[in-house]
PDB file of N, CA and C in Angstrom:
ATOM      1  N   MET A   1     110.669  99.448  84.054  1.00  0.00           N
ATOM      2  CA  MET A   1     109.872  99.176  85.039  1.00  0.00           C
ATOM      3  C   MET A   1     110.159 100.072  86.169  1.00  0.00           C
ATOM      4  N   LYS A   2     109.218 100.753  86.880  1.00  0.00           N
ATOM      5  CA  LYS A   2     109.797 101.502  88.058  1.00  0.00           C
ATOM      6  C   LYS A   2     109.584 100.450  89.451  1.00  0.00           C
ATOM      7  N   THR A   3     110.630 100.767  90.139  1.00  0.00           N
ATOM      8  CA  THR A   3     110.617  99.749  91.307  1.00  0.00           C
ATOM      9  C   THR A   3     110.463 100.745  92.473  1.00  0.00           C
ATOM     10  N   ILE A   4     109.404 100.341  93.654  1.00  0.00           N
ATOM     11  CA  ILE A   4     108.731 100.873  94.572  1.00  0.00           C
ATOM     12  C   ILE A   4     109.446 100.025  95.789  1.00  0.00           C
ATOM     13  N   LEU A   5     110.013 100.601  96.748  1.00  0.00           N
ATOM     14  CA  LEU A   5     110.285 100.031  97.985  1.00  0.00           C
ATOM     15  C   LEU A   5     109.393 100.342  99.131  1.00  0.00           C
ATOM     16  N   TYR A   6     108.851  99.367  99.609  1.00  0.00           N
ATOM     17  CA  TYR A   6     107.887  99.811 100.861  1.00  0.00           C
ATOM     18  C   TYR A   6     108.367  99.164 102.065  1.00  0.00           C
ATOM     19  N   VAL A   7     108.568 100.264 103.011  1.00  0.00           N
ATOM     20  CA  VAL A   7     109.151 100.008 104.532  1.00  0.00           C
ATOM     21  C   VAL A   7     108.189  99.998 105.345  1.00  0.00           C
ATOM     22  N   GLU A   8     107.399  98.766 105.762  1.00  0.00           N
ATOM     23  CA  GLU A   8     106.317  98.615 106.874  1.00  0.00           C
ATOM     24  C   GLU A   8     106.623  97.343 107.541  1.00  0.00           C
ATOM     25  N   ASP A   9     106.230  97.341 108.757  1.00  0.00           N
ATOM     26  CA  ASP A   9     106.514  96.087 109.585  1.00  0.00           C
ATOM     27  C   ASP A   9     105.331  95.432 109.782  1.00  0.00           C
ATOM     28  N   HIS A  10     103.936  95.750 109.408  1.00  0.00           N
ATOM     29  CA  HIS A  10     102.737  95.146 109.475  1.00  0.00           C
ATOM     30  C   HIS A  10     102.458  94.518 108.265  1.00  0.00           C
ATOM     31  N   VAL A  11     102.154  93.047 108.377  1.00  0.00           N
ATOM     32  CA  VAL A  11     102.046  92.187 107.352  1.00  0.00           C
ATOM     33  C   VAL A  11     100.881  92.528 106.492  1.00  0.00           C
ATOM     34  N   LEU A  12      99.694  92.845 107.092  1.00  0.00           N
ATOM     35  CA  LEU A  12      98.509  93.162 106.332  1.00  0.00           C
ATOM     36  C   LEU A  12      98.432  94.420 105.492  1.00  0.00           C
ATOM     37  N   ASN A  13      99.429  95.580 106.003  1.00  0.00           N
ATOM     38  CA  ASN A  13      99.582  96.660 105.421  1.00  0.00           C
ATOM     39  C   ASN A  13     100.406  96.360 103.949  1.00  0.00           C
ATOM     40  N   ARG A  14     101.302  95.673 104.271  1.00  0.00           N
ATOM     41  CA  ARG A  14     101.987  95.275 103.109  1.00  0.00           C
ATOM     42  C   ARG A  14     101.235  94.555 101.891  1.00  0.00           C
ATOM     43  N   LYS A  15     100.455  93.622 102.406  1.00  0.00           N
ATOM     44  CA  LYS A  15      99.666  92.876 101.651  1.00  0.00           C
ATOM     45  C   LYS A  15      98.793  93.782 100.763  1.00  0.00           C
ATOM     46  N   ILE A  16      98.054  94.720 101.375  1.00  0.00           N
ATOM     47  CA  ILE A  16      97.305  95.792 100.871  1.00  0.00           C
ATOM     48  C   ILE A  16      97.871  96.376  99.754  1.00  0.00           C
ATOM     49  N   VAL A  17      99.089  96.832 100.012  1.00  0.00           N
ATOM     50  CA  VAL A  17      99.896  97.719  98.897  1.00  0.00           C
ATOM     51  C   VAL A  17     100.320  96.696  97.800  1.00  0.00           C
ATOM     52  N   ARG A  18     100.887  95.616  98.319  1.00  0.00           N
ATOM     53  CA  ARG A  18     101.292  94.441  97.397  1.00  0.00           C
ATOM     54  C   ARG A  18     100.053  94.362  96.321  1.00  0.00           C
ATOM     55  N   ASP A  19      98.950  94.020  96.866  1.00  0.00           N
ATOM     56  CA  ASP A  19      97.752  93.804  95.860  1.00  0.00           C
ATOM     57  C   ASP A  19      97.392  95.079  95.069  1.00  0.00           C
ATOM     58  N   LEU A  20      97.524  96.153  95.581  1.00  0.00           N
ATOM     59  CA  LEU A  20      97.218  97.458  94.924  1.00  0.00           C
ATOM     60  C   LEU A  20      98.200  97.475  93.655  1.00  0.00           C
ATOM     61  N   LEU A  21      99.502  97.191  94.022  1.00  0.00           N
ATOM     62  CA  LEU A  21     100.480  97.303  92.812  1.00  0.00           C
ATOM     63  C   LEU A  21     100.570  96.045  91.894  1.00  0.00           C
ATOM     64  N   ALA A  22      99.756  95.148  92.152  1.00  0.00           N
ATOM     65  CA  ALA A  22      99.976  93.715  91.561  1.00  0.00           C
ATOM     66  C   ALA A  22      99.439  94.200  90.190  1.00  0.00           C
ATOM     67  N   ARG A  23      98.398  95.125  90.082  1.00  0.00           N
ATOM     68  CA  ARG A  23      97.761  95.493  88.729  1.00  0.00           C
ATOM     69  C   ARG A  23      98.175  96.402  87.925  1.00  0.00           C
ATOM     70  N   THR A  24      99.525  96.867  88.553  1.00  0.00           N
ATOM     71  CA  THR A  24     100.253  97.872  87.641  1.00  0.00           C
ATOM     72  C   THR A  24     101.655  97.433  87.134  1.00  0.00           C
ATOM     73  N   SER A  25     102.485  98.431  86.439  1.00  0.00           N
ATOM     74  CA  SER A  25     103.762  97.907  86.024  1.00  0.00           C
ATOM     75  C   SER A  25     104.774  98.228  87.192  1.00  0.00           C
ATOM     76  N   TYR A  26     104.445  98.506  88.109  1.00  0.00           N
ATOM     77  CA  TYR A  26     105.705  98.868  89.175  1.00  0.00           C
ATOM     78  C   TYR A  26     105.987  97.441  89.851  1.00  0.00           C
ATOM     79  N   ARG A  27     107.333  97.512  90.245  1.00  0.00           N
ATOM     80  CA  ARG A  27     107.878  96.173  90.781  1.00  0.00           C
ATOM     81  C   ARG A  27     107.938  96.823  92.150  1.00  0.00           C
ATOM     82  N   LEU A  28     107.438  95.912  93.252  1.00  0.00           N
ATOM     83  CA  LEU A  28     107.471  96.116  94.606  1.00  0.00           C
ATOM     84  C   LEU A  28     108.419  95.401  95.287  1.00  0.00           C
ATOM     85  N   ILE A  29     109.499  96.189  96.046  1.00  0.00           N
ATOM     86  CA  ILE A  29     110.263  95.244  97.023  1.00  0.00           C
ATOM     87  C   ILE A  29     109.793  95.574  98.477  1.00  0.00           C
ATOM     88  N   GLU A  30     110.157  94.922  99.489  1.00  0.00           N
ATOM     89  CA  GLU A  30     109.747  95.358 100.735  1.00  0.00           C
ATOM     90  C   GLU A  30     110.811  94.978 101.707  1.00  0.00           C
ATOM     91  N   ALA A  31     110.585  95.789 102.860  1.00  0.00           N
ATOM     92  CA  ALA A  31     111.667  95.963 104.096  1.00  0.00           C
ATOM     93  C   ALA A  31     110.870  96.119 105.248  1.00  0.00           C
ATOM     94  N   THR A  32     111.286  95.468 106.512  1.00  0.00           N
ATOM     95  CA  THR A  32     110.266  95.461 107.475  1.00  0.00           C
ATOM     96  C   THR A  32     110.622  96.125 108.699  1.00  0.00           C
ATOM     97  N   ASP A  33     111.794  96.847 108.635  1.00  0.00           N
ATOM     98  CA  ASP A  33     112.108  97.669 109.573  1.00  0.00           C
ATOM     99  C   ASP A  33     113.031  98.944 109.061  1.00  0.00           C
ATOM    100  N   GLY A  34     113.310  99.840 110.041  1.00  0.00           N
ATOM    101  CA  GLY A  34     113.975 101.108 109.157  1.00  0.00           C
ATOM    102  C   GLY A  34     115.228 100.884 109.181  1.00  0.00           C
ATOM    103  N   ASP A  35     116.276  99.840 109.580  1.00  0.00           N
ATOM    104  CA  ASP A  35     117.390  99.663 109.280  1.00  0.00           C
ATOM    105  C   ASP A  35     117.683  98.937 107.807  1.00  0.00           C
ATOM    106  N   ALA A  36     116.455  97.870 107.701  1.00  0.00           N
ATOM    107  CA  ALA A  36     116.515  97.224 106.399  1.00  0.00           C
ATOM    108  C   ALA A  36     116.048  98.129 105.397  1.00  0.00           C
ATOM    109  N   GLY A  37     115.269  99.100 105.665  1.00  0.00           N
ATOM    110  CA  GLY A  37     114.729  99.861 104.481  1.00  0.00           C
ATOM    111  C   GLY A  37     115.876 100.836 103.941  1.00  0.00           C
ATOM    112  N   VAL A  38     116.604 101.247 105.104  1.00  0.00           N
ATOM    113  CA  VAL A  38     117.978 102.068 104.611  1.00  0.00           C
ATOM    114  C   VAL A  38     118.942 101.426 103.708  1.00  0.00           C
ATOM    115  N   SER A  39     119.155 100.200 104.213  1.00  0.00           N
ATOM    116  CA  SER A  39     120.168  99.434 103.528  1.00  0.00           C
ATOM    117  C   SER A  39     119.596  98.814 102.308  1.00  0.00           C
ATOM    118  N   THR A  40     118.358  98.439 102.046  1.00  0.00           N
ATOM    119  CA  THR A  40     117.669  98.021 100.955  1.00  0.00           C
ATOM    120  C   THR A  40     117.578  99.269 100.020  1.00  0.00           C
ATOM    121  N   ALA A  41     117.386 100.527 100.301  1.00  0.00           N
ATOM    122  CA  ALA A  41     117.263 101.620  99.441  1.00  0.00           C
ATOM    123  C   ALA A  41     118.844 101.888  98.673  1.00  0.00           C
ATOM    124  N   ARG A  42     119.876 101.739  99.645  1.00  0.00           N
ATOM    125  CA  ARG A  42     121.183 101.892  99.412  1.00  0.00           C
ATOM    126  C   ARG A  42     121.501 100.702  98.147  1.00  0.00           C
ATOM    127  N   GLU A  43     121.031  99.601  98.269  1.00  0.00           N
ATOM    128  CA  GLU A  43     121.360  98.545  97.576  1.00  0.00           C
ATOM    129  C   GLU A  43     120.644  98.597  96.134  1.00  0.00           C
ATOM    130  N   THR A  44     119.409  98.964  96.106  1.00  0.00           N
ATOM    131  CA  THR A  44     118.523  98.796  94.903  1.00  0.00           C
ATOM    132  C   THR A  44     118.303  99.903  94.276  1.00  0.00           C
ATOM    133  N   LEU A  45     118.198 101.072  95.052  1.00  0.00           N
ATOM    134  CA  LEU A  45     118.147 102.371  94.350  1.00  0.00           C
ATOM    135  C   LEU A  45     116.724 102.655  93.716  1.00  0.00           C
ATOM    136  N   PRO A  46     115.532 102.309  94.490  1.00  0.00           N
ATOM    137  CA  PRO A  46     114.352 102.296  94.045  1.00  0.00           C
ATOM    138  C   PRO A  46     113.984 103.684  93.426  1.00  0.00           C
ATOM    139  N   ASP A  47     112.898 103.418  92.589  1.00  0.00           N
ATOM    140  CA  ASP A  47     112.334 105.018  92.076  1.00  0.00           C
ATOM    141  C   ASP A  47     111.734 105.918  93.007  1.00  0.00           C
ATOM    142  N   LEU A  48     110.935 104.966  94.031  1.00  0.00           N
ATOM    143  CA  LEU A  48     110.126 105.639  95.063  1.00  0.00           C
ATOM    144  C   LEU A  48     110.205 104.636  96.172  1.00  0.00           C
ATOM    145  N   ILE A  49     109.956 105.459  97.565  1.00  0.00           N
ATOM    146  CA  ILE A  49     110.000 104.813  98.844  1.00  0.00           C
ATOM    147  C   ILE A  49     108.790 105.279  99.453  1.00  0.00           C
ATOM    148  N   ILE A  50     108.029 104.037  99.906  1.00  0.00           N
ATOM    149  CA  ILE A  50     106.882 104.373 100.851  1.00  0.00           C
ATOM    150  C   ILE A  50     107.491 104.222 102.410  1.00  0.00           C
ATOM    151  N   MET A  51     107.257 104.913 103.078  1.00  0.00           N
ATOM    152  CA  MET A  51     108.013 104.680 104.598  1.00  0.00           C
ATOM    153  C   MET A  51     106.926 104.814 105.592  1.00  0.00           C
ATOM    154  N   ASP A  52     106.717 103.981 106.394  1.00  0.00           N
ATOM    155  CA  ASP A  52     105.790 103.869 107.549  1.00  0.00           C
ATOM    156  C   ASP A  52     106.803 104.804 108.559  1.00  0.00           C
ATOM    157  N   ILE A  53     106.036 105.475 109.437  1.00  0.00           N
ATOM    158  CA  ILE A  53     106.965 106.347 110.587  1.00  0.00           C
ATOM    159  C   ILE A  53     107.261 105.246 111.563  1.00  0.00           C
ATOM    160  N   GLN A  54     106.357 104.603 112.103  1.00  0.00           N
ATOM    161  CA  GLN A  54     106.364 103.812 113.211  1.00  0.00           C
ATOM    162  C   GLN A  54     107.139 102.320 112.717  1.00  0.00           C
ATOM    163  N   LEU A  55     108.219 102.328 112.970  1.00  0.00           N
ATOM    164  CA  LEU A  55     109.191 100.881 112.450  1.00  0.00           C
ATOM    165  C   LEU A  55     109.965 100.681 113.561  1.00  0.00           C
ATOM    166  N   PRO A  56     110.015  99.271 113.639  1.00  0.00           N
ATOM    167  CA  PRO A  56     111.071  98.749 114.626  1.00  0.00           C
ATOM    168  C   PRO A  56     112.518  99.043 114.296  1.00  0.00           C
ATOM    169  N   LYS A  57     113.617  99.285 115.224  1.00  0.00           N
ATOM    170  CA  LYS A  57     114.813  99.396 114.884  1.00  0.00           C
ATOM    171  C   LYS A  57     115.383 100.872 114.740  1.00  0.00           C
ATOM    172  N   LEU A  58     114.627 101.312 113.783  1.00  0.00           N
ATOM    173  CA  LEU A  58     114.937 102.939 113.274  1.00  0.00           C
ATOM    174  C   LEU A  58     113.477 103.608 112.823  1.00  0.00           C
ATOM    175  N   SER A  59     113.181 104.605 113.433  1.00  0.00           N
ATOM    176  CA  SER A  59     111.837 105.097 112.653  1.00  0.00           C
ATOM    177  C   SER A  59     112.160 105.356 111.321  1.00  0.00           C
ATOM    178  N   GLY A  60     110.938 105.501 110.780  1.00  0.00           N
ATOM    179  CA  GLY A  60     110.669 106.112 109.353  1.00  0.00           C
ATOM    180  C   GLY A  60     111.254 107.273 109.264  1.00  0.00           C
ATOM    181  N   LEU A  61     110.922 108.267 110.123  1.00  0.00           N
ATOM    182  CA  LEU A  61     111.551 109.582 109.949  1.00  0.00           C
ATOM    183  C   LEU A  61     113.097 109.693 109.983  1.00  0.00           C
ATOM    184  N   GLU A  62     113.758 108.822 110.896  1.00  0.00           N
ATOM    185  CA  GLU A  62     115.101 108.971 110.780  1.00  0.00           C
ATOM    186  C   GLU A  62     115.670 108.234 109.582  1.00  0.00           C
ATOM    187  N   ALA A  63     114.860 107.066 109.366  1.00  0.00           N
ATOM    188  CA  ALA A  63     115.421 106.498 108.122  1.00  0.00           C
ATOM    189  C   ALA A  63     115.360 107.593 106.782  1.00  0.00           C
ATOM    190  N   THR A  64     114.218 108.204 106.828  1.00  0.00           N
ATOM    191  CA  THR A  64     114.051 109.393 105.834  1.00  0.00           C
ATOM    192  C   THR A  64     115.358 110.167 105.763  1.00  0.00           C
ATOM    193  N   ARG A  65     115.749 110.785 106.995  1.00  0.00           N
ATOM    194  CA  ARG A  65     116.691 111.738 107.143  1.00  0.00           C
ATOM    195  C   ARG A  65     117.886 111.126 106.545  1.00  0.00           C
ATOM    196  N   GLN A  66     118.146 109.726 106.925  1.00  0.00           N
ATOM    197  CA  GLN A  66     119.509 109.291 106.550  1.00  0.00           C
ATOM    198  C   GLN A  66     119.490 109.150 104.984  1.00  0.00           C
ATOM    199  N   LEU A  67     118.453 108.817 104.422  1.00  0.00           N
ATOM    200  CA  LEU A  67     118.460 108.693 102.967  1.00  0.00           C
ATOM    201  C   LEU A  67     118.711 109.966 102.245  1.00  0.00           C
ATOM    202  N   ARG A  68     118.004 111.043 102.912  1.00  0.00           N
ATOM    203  CA  ARG A  68     118.156 112.354 102.301  1.00  0.00           C
ATOM    204  C   ARG A  68     119.650 112.737 102.600  1.00  0.00           C
ATOM    205  N   ALA A  69     120.424 112.363 103.375  1.00  0.00           N
ATOM    206  CA  ALA A  69     121.729 112.748 103.677  1.00  0.00           C
ATOM    207  C   ALA A  69     122.696 112.205 102.842  1.00  0.00           C
ATOM    208  N   GLU A  70     122.261 111.140 102.140  1.00  0.00           N
ATOM    209  CA  GLU A  70     123.313 110.366 101.277  1.00  0.00           C
ATOM    210  C   GLU A  70     123.214 110.734  99.868  1.00  0.00           C
ATOM    211  N   ALA A  71     124.227 111.092  99.226  1.00  0.00           N
ATOM    212  CA  ALA A  71     124.101 111.544  97.695  1.00  0.00           C
ATOM    213  C   ALA A  71     123.476 110.400  96.723  1.00  0.00           C
ATOM    214  N   LEU A  72     123.931 109.011  97.239  1.00  0.00           N
ATOM    215  CA  LEU A  72     123.256 108.011  96.355  1.00  0.00           C
ATOM    216  C   LEU A  72     121.650 107.838  96.500  1.00  0.00           C
ATOM    217  N   THR A  73     121.081 108.410  97.401  1.00  0.00           N
ATOM    218  CA  THR A  73     119.678 108.115  97.759  1.00  0.00           C
ATOM    219  C   THR A  73     119.021 109.518  97.897  1.00  0.00           C
ATOM    220  N   ALA A  74     119.639 110.545  97.965  1.00  0.00           N
ATOM    221  CA  ALA A  74     119.097 111.740  98.193  1.00  0.00           C
ATOM    222  C   ALA A  74     117.764 112.124  97.403  1.00  0.00           C
ATOM    223  N   HIS A  75     117.862 111.657  95.936  1.00  0.00           N
ATOM    224  CA  HIS A  75     117.135 112.075  94.930  1.00  0.00           C
ATOM    225  C   HIS A  75     115.736 111.399  95.075  1.00  0.00           C
ATOM    226  N   ILE A  76     115.812 110.213  95.745  1.00  0.00           N
ATOM    227  CA  ILE A  76     114.636 109.378  95.718  1.00  0.00           C
ATOM    228  C   ILE A  76     113.344 109.951  96.478  1.00  0.00           C
ATOM    229  N   PRO A  77     112.273 110.081  95.945  1.00  0.00           N
ATOM    230  CA  PRO A  77     111.060 110.593  96.646  1.00  0.00           C
ATOM    231  C   PRO A  77     110.617 109.617  97.530  1.00  0.00           C
ATOM    232  N   ILE A  78     110.215 110.248  98.613  1.00  0.00           N
ATOM    233  CA  ILE A  78     109.780 109.330  99.781  1.00  0.00           C
ATOM    234  C   ILE A  78     108.329 109.839 100.047  1.00  0.00           C
ATOM    235  N   ILE A  79     107.525 108.826 100.361  1.00  0.00           N
ATOM    236  CA  ILE A  79     106.029 108.986 100.929  1.00  0.00           C
ATOM    237  C   ILE A  79     106.067 108.429 102.343  1.00  0.00           C
ATOM    238  N   VAL A  80     105.904 109.320 103.228  1.00  0.00           N
ATOM    239  CA  VAL A  80     105.761 109.020 104.503  1.00  0.00           C
ATOM    240  C   VAL A  80     104.294 108.758 104.980  1.00  0.00           C
ATOM    241  N   ILE A  81     104.091 107.560 105.718  1.00  0.00           N
ATOM    242  CA  ILE A  81     102.733 107.256 106.131  1.00  0.00           C
ATOM    243  C   ILE A  81     102.647 106.877 107.616  1.00  0.00           C
ATOM    244  N   THR A  82     101.827 107.434 108.459  1.00  0.00           N
ATOM    245  CA  THR A  82     101.581 107.206 109.682  1.00  0.00           C
ATOM    246  C   THR A  82     100.146 106.870 110.140  1.00  0.00           C
ATOM    247  N   SER A  83     100.091 105.926 111.131  1.00  0.00           N
ATOM    248  CA  SER A  83      98.723 105.522 111.529  1.00  0.00           C
ATOM    249  C   SER A  83      98.585 106.281 112.689  1.00  0.00           C
ATOM    250  N   PHE A  84      99.320 106.993 113.484  1.00  0.00           N
ATOM    251  CA  PHE A  84      99.075 107.795 114.490  1.00  0.00           C
ATOM    252  C   PHE A  84      99.279 109.266 114.258  1.00  0.00           C
ATOM    253  N   ALA A  85      98.385 109.659 113.543  1.00  0.00           N
ATOM    254  CA  ALA A  85      98.779 111.206 112.985  1.00  0.00           C
ATOM    255  C   ALA A  85      98.528 112.228 114.089  1.00  0.00           C
ATOM    256  N   LEU A  86      99.465 112.923 114.364  1.00  0.00           N
ATOM    257  CA  LEU A  86      99.385 113.965 115.323  1.00  0.00           C
ATOM    258  C   LEU A  86      99.379 115.334 114.484  1.00  0.00           C
ATOM    259  N   ALA A  87      99.245 116.360 115.416  1.00  0.00           N
ATOM    260  CA  ALA A  87      99.522 117.559 114.785  1.00  0.00           C
ATOM    261  C   ALA A  87     100.916 117.862 114.682  1.00  0.00           C
ATOM    262  N   GLY A  88     101.414 118.354 113.471  1.00  0.00           N
ATOM    263  CA  GLY A  88     102.749 118.494 113.277  1.00  0.00           C
ATOM    264  C   GLY A  88     103.542 117.406 112.516  1.00  0.00           C
ATOM    265  N   ASP A  89     102.964 116.266 112.780  1.00  0.00           N
ATOM    266  CA  ASP A  89     103.434 114.999 111.937  1.00  0.00           C
ATOM    267  C   ASP A  89     103.862 115.305 110.496  1.00  0.00           C
ATOM    268  N   GLU A  90     102.918 115.927 109.789  1.00  0.00           N
ATOM    269  CA  GLU A  90     103.235 116.074 108.361  1.00  0.00           C
ATOM    270  C   GLU A  90     104.407 117.146 108.139  1.00  0.00           C
ATOM    271  N   GLN A  91     104.601 118.157 109.159  1.00  0.00           N
ATOM    272  CA  GLN A  91     105.530 118.993 108.798  1.00  0.00           C
ATOM    273  C   GLN A  91     106.749 118.416 109.444  1.00  0.00           C
ATOM    274  N   LYS A  92     106.887 117.362 110.358  1.00  0.00           N
ATOM    275  CA  LYS A  92     108.122 116.709 110.750  1.00  0.00           C
ATOM    276  C   LYS A  92     108.516 115.898 109.638  1.00  0.00           C
ATOM    277  N   ALA A  93     107.558 115.078 108.908  1.00  0.00           N
ATOM    278  CA  ALA A  93     107.855 114.417 107.620  1.00  0.00           C
ATOM    279  C   ALA A  93     108.453 115.244 106.668  1.00  0.00           C
ATOM    280  N   ARG A  94     107.912 116.365 106.320  1.00  0.00           N
ATOM    281  CA  ARG A  94     108.499 117.164 105.152  1.00  0.00           C
ATOM    282  C   ARG A  94     109.949 117.584 105.660  1.00  0.00           C
ATOM    283  N   ASP A  95     109.882 118.131 106.963  1.00  0.00           N
ATOM    284  CA  ASP A  95     111.240 118.330 107.348  1.00  0.00           C
ATOM    285  C   ASP A  95     112.431 117.208 107.232  1.00  0.00           C
ATOM    286  N   ALA A  96     112.077 116.123 107.452  1.00  0.00           N
ATOM    287  CA  ALA A  96     113.221 115.097 107.235  1.00  0.00           C
ATOM    288  C   ALA A  96     113.243 114.914 105.727  1.00  0.00           C
ATOM    289  N   GLY A  97     112.523 115.272 104.831  1.00  0.00           N
ATOM    290  CA  GLY A  97     112.661 115.105 103.625  1.00  0.00           C
ATOM    291  C   GLY A  97     111.639 114.168 102.684  1.00  0.00           C
ATOM    292  N   ALA A  98     110.668 114.015 103.118  1.00  0.00           N
ATOM    293  CA  ALA A  98     109.452 113.532 102.607  1.00  0.00           C
ATOM    294  C   ALA A  98     109.014 114.245 101.474  1.00  0.00           C
ATOM    295  N   ALA A  99     108.760 113.651 100.363  1.00  0.00           N
ATOM    296  CA  ALA A  99     108.053 114.338  99.154  1.00  0.00           C
ATOM    297  C   ALA A  99     106.417 114.598  99.493  1.00  0.00           C
ATOM    298  N   ALA A 100     105.802 113.607 100.113  1.00  0.00           N
ATOM    299  CA  ALA A 100     104.619 113.426 100.444  1.00  0.00           C
ATOM    300  C   ALA A 100     104.208 112.777 101.714  1.00  0.00           C
ATOM    301  N   TYR A 101     102.957 112.948 102.185  1.00  0.00           N
ATOM    302  CA  TYR A 101     102.585 112.625 103.387  1.00  0.00           C
ATOM    303  C   TYR A 101     101.088 111.824 103.567  1.00  0.00           C
ATOM    304  N   LEU A 102     100.875 110.736 104.006  1.00  0.00           N
ATOM    305  CA  LEU A 102      99.540 110.193 104.069  1.00  0.00           C
ATOM    306  C   LEU A 102      99.350 109.756 105.398  1.00  0.00           C
ATOM    307  N   ALA A 103      98.101 109.918 105.872  1.00  0.00           N
ATOM    308  CA  ALA A 103      97.765 109.283 107.370  1.00  0.00           C
ATOM    309  C   ALA A 103      96.751 108.079 106.999  1.00  0.00           C
ATOM    310  N   LYS A 104      97.036 107.155 107.907  1.00  0.00           N
ATOM    311  CA  LYS A 104      96.222 106.038 107.892  1.00  0.00           C
ATOM    312  C   LYS A 104      95.070 106.233 108.574  1.00  0.00           C
ATOM    313  N   PRO A 105      93.698 105.956 108.313  1.00  0.00           N
ATOM    314  CA  PRO A 105      93.621 104.870 107.272  1.00  0.00           C
ATOM    315  C   PRO A 105      93.341 105.630 105.807  1.00  0.00           C
ATOM    316  N   TYR A 106      94.222 105.331 105.009  1.00  0.00           N
ATOM    317  CA  TYR A 106      94.067 106.167 103.358  1.00  0.00           C
ATOM    318  C   TYR A 106      93.459 105.394 102.372  1.00  0.00           C
ATOM    319  N   SER A 107      92.745 105.742 101.393  1.00  0.00           N
ATOM    320  CA  SER A 107      92.342 105.015 100.139  1.00  0.00           C
ATOM    321  C   SER A 107      93.285 104.501  99.378  1.00  0.00           C
ATOM    322  N   PRO A 108      93.279 103.159  99.170  1.00  0.00           N
ATOM    323  CA  PRO A 108      94.291 102.782  98.217  1.00  0.00           C
ATOM    324  C   PRO A 108      94.537 103.425  96.802  1.00  0.00           C
ATOM    325  N   ARG A 109      93.324 104.029  96.362  1.00  0.00           N
ATOM    326  CA  ARG A 109      93.199 104.695  95.208  1.00  0.00           C
ATOM    327  C   ARG A 109      94.209 105.954  95.468  1.00  0.00           C
ATOM    328  N   GLU A 110      94.125 106.666  96.519  1.00  0.00           N
ATOM    329  CA  GLU A 110      94.676 107.757  96.852  1.00  0.00           C
ATOM    330  C   GLU A 110      96.072 107.405  96.782  1.00  0.00           C
ATOM    331  N   LEU A 111      96.665 106.456  97.575  1.00  0.00           N
ATOM    332  CA  LEU A 111      98.203 106.414  97.296  1.00  0.00           C
ATOM    333  C   LEU A 111      98.384 105.815  96.010  1.00  0.00           C
ATOM    334  N   LEU A 112      97.557 105.376  95.238  1.00  0.00           N
ATOM    335  CA  LEU A 112      98.253 104.910  93.915  1.00  0.00           C
ATOM    336  C   LEU A 112      98.461 106.096  92.910  1.00  0.00           C
ATOM    337  N   GLN A 113      97.287 107.179  93.100  1.00  0.00           N
ATOM    338  CA  GLN A 113      97.342 108.510  92.465  1.00  0.00           C
ATOM    339  C   GLN A 113      98.701 109.281  92.970  1.00  0.00           C
ATOM    340  N   LEU A 114      98.829 109.177  94.283  1.00  0.00           N
ATOM    341  CA  LEU A 114     100.117 109.858  94.561  1.00  0.00           C
ATOM    342  C   LEU A 114     101.544 109.132  93.982  1.00  0.00           C
ATOM    343  N   ILE A 115     101.452 107.825  94.044  1.00  0.00           N
ATOM    344  CA  ILE A 115     102.551 107.237  93.531  1.00  0.00           C
ATOM    345  C   ILE A 115     102.907 107.591  92.053  1.00  0.00           C
ATOM    346  N   ARG A 116     101.818 107.512  91.135  1.00  0.00           N
ATOM    347  CA  ARG A 116     101.774 107.691  89.841  1.00  0.00           C
ATOM    348  C   ARG A 116     102.111 109.212  89.558  1.00  0.00           C
ATOM    349  N   ARG A 117     101.834 110.275  90.465  1.00  0.00           N
ATOM    350  CA  ARG A 117     102.157 111.499  90.462  1.00  0.00           C
ATOM    351  C   ARG A 117     103.732 111.768  90.714  1.00  0.00           C
ATOM    352  N   LEU A 118     104.002 110.968  91.453  1.00  0.00           N
ATOM    353  CA  LEU A 118     105.466 110.934  91.835  1.00  0.00           C
ATOM    354  C   LEU A 118     106.458 110.385  90.702  1.00  0.00           C
ATOM    355  N   VAL A 119     106.037 109.306  90.339  1.00  0.00           N
ATOM    356  CA  VAL A 119     106.724 108.295  89.413  1.00  0.00           C
ATOM    357  C   VAL A 119     105.760 107.664  88.745  1.00  0.00           C
ATOM    358  N   PRO A 120     105.544 108.399  87.538  1.00  0.00           N
ATOM    359  CA  PRO A 120     104.599 107.831  86.522  1.00  0.00           C
ATOM    360  C   PRO A 120     104.930 106.231  86.007  1.00  0.00           C
ATOM    361  N   GLU A 121     103.963 105.337  85.763  1.00  0.00           N
ATOM    362  CA  GLU A 121     104.426 104.258  85.291  1.00  0.00           C
ATOM    363  C   GLU A 121     105.051 104.293  83.950  1.00  0.00           C
ATOM    364  N   GLY A 122     105.766 103.297  83.432  1.00  0.00           N
ATOM    365  CA  GLY A 122     106.417 103.137  82.311  1.00  0.00           C
ATOM    366  C   GLY A 122     108.060 102.931  82.281  1.00  0.00           C
TER     367      GLY A 122
END
């Protein structure tokens, strides 16, 4: 079973992804701020991380940079998501080490396709 870490501070967004993944074989773990996301990733070594950019304590981009800088977590693909898509955000996400980028609102089906492309179920 593949594990996905979702780092998101908004309850409704976490529920949407939780409901989306409930019908799959993925196991979801959650963190609600950037610091917790980094420490949870270090402890659990998930197969994939979904990282919101706008997070308390530590931004998603900085959390992504920290995870990329550590040998233990550098290989984990990270999907960066933002609700305030600005010109250059995708490039900033990729420069930080993101494998993929999505702007909100996104289709849950689109997110699931992206997850399955990066870490196939099984």
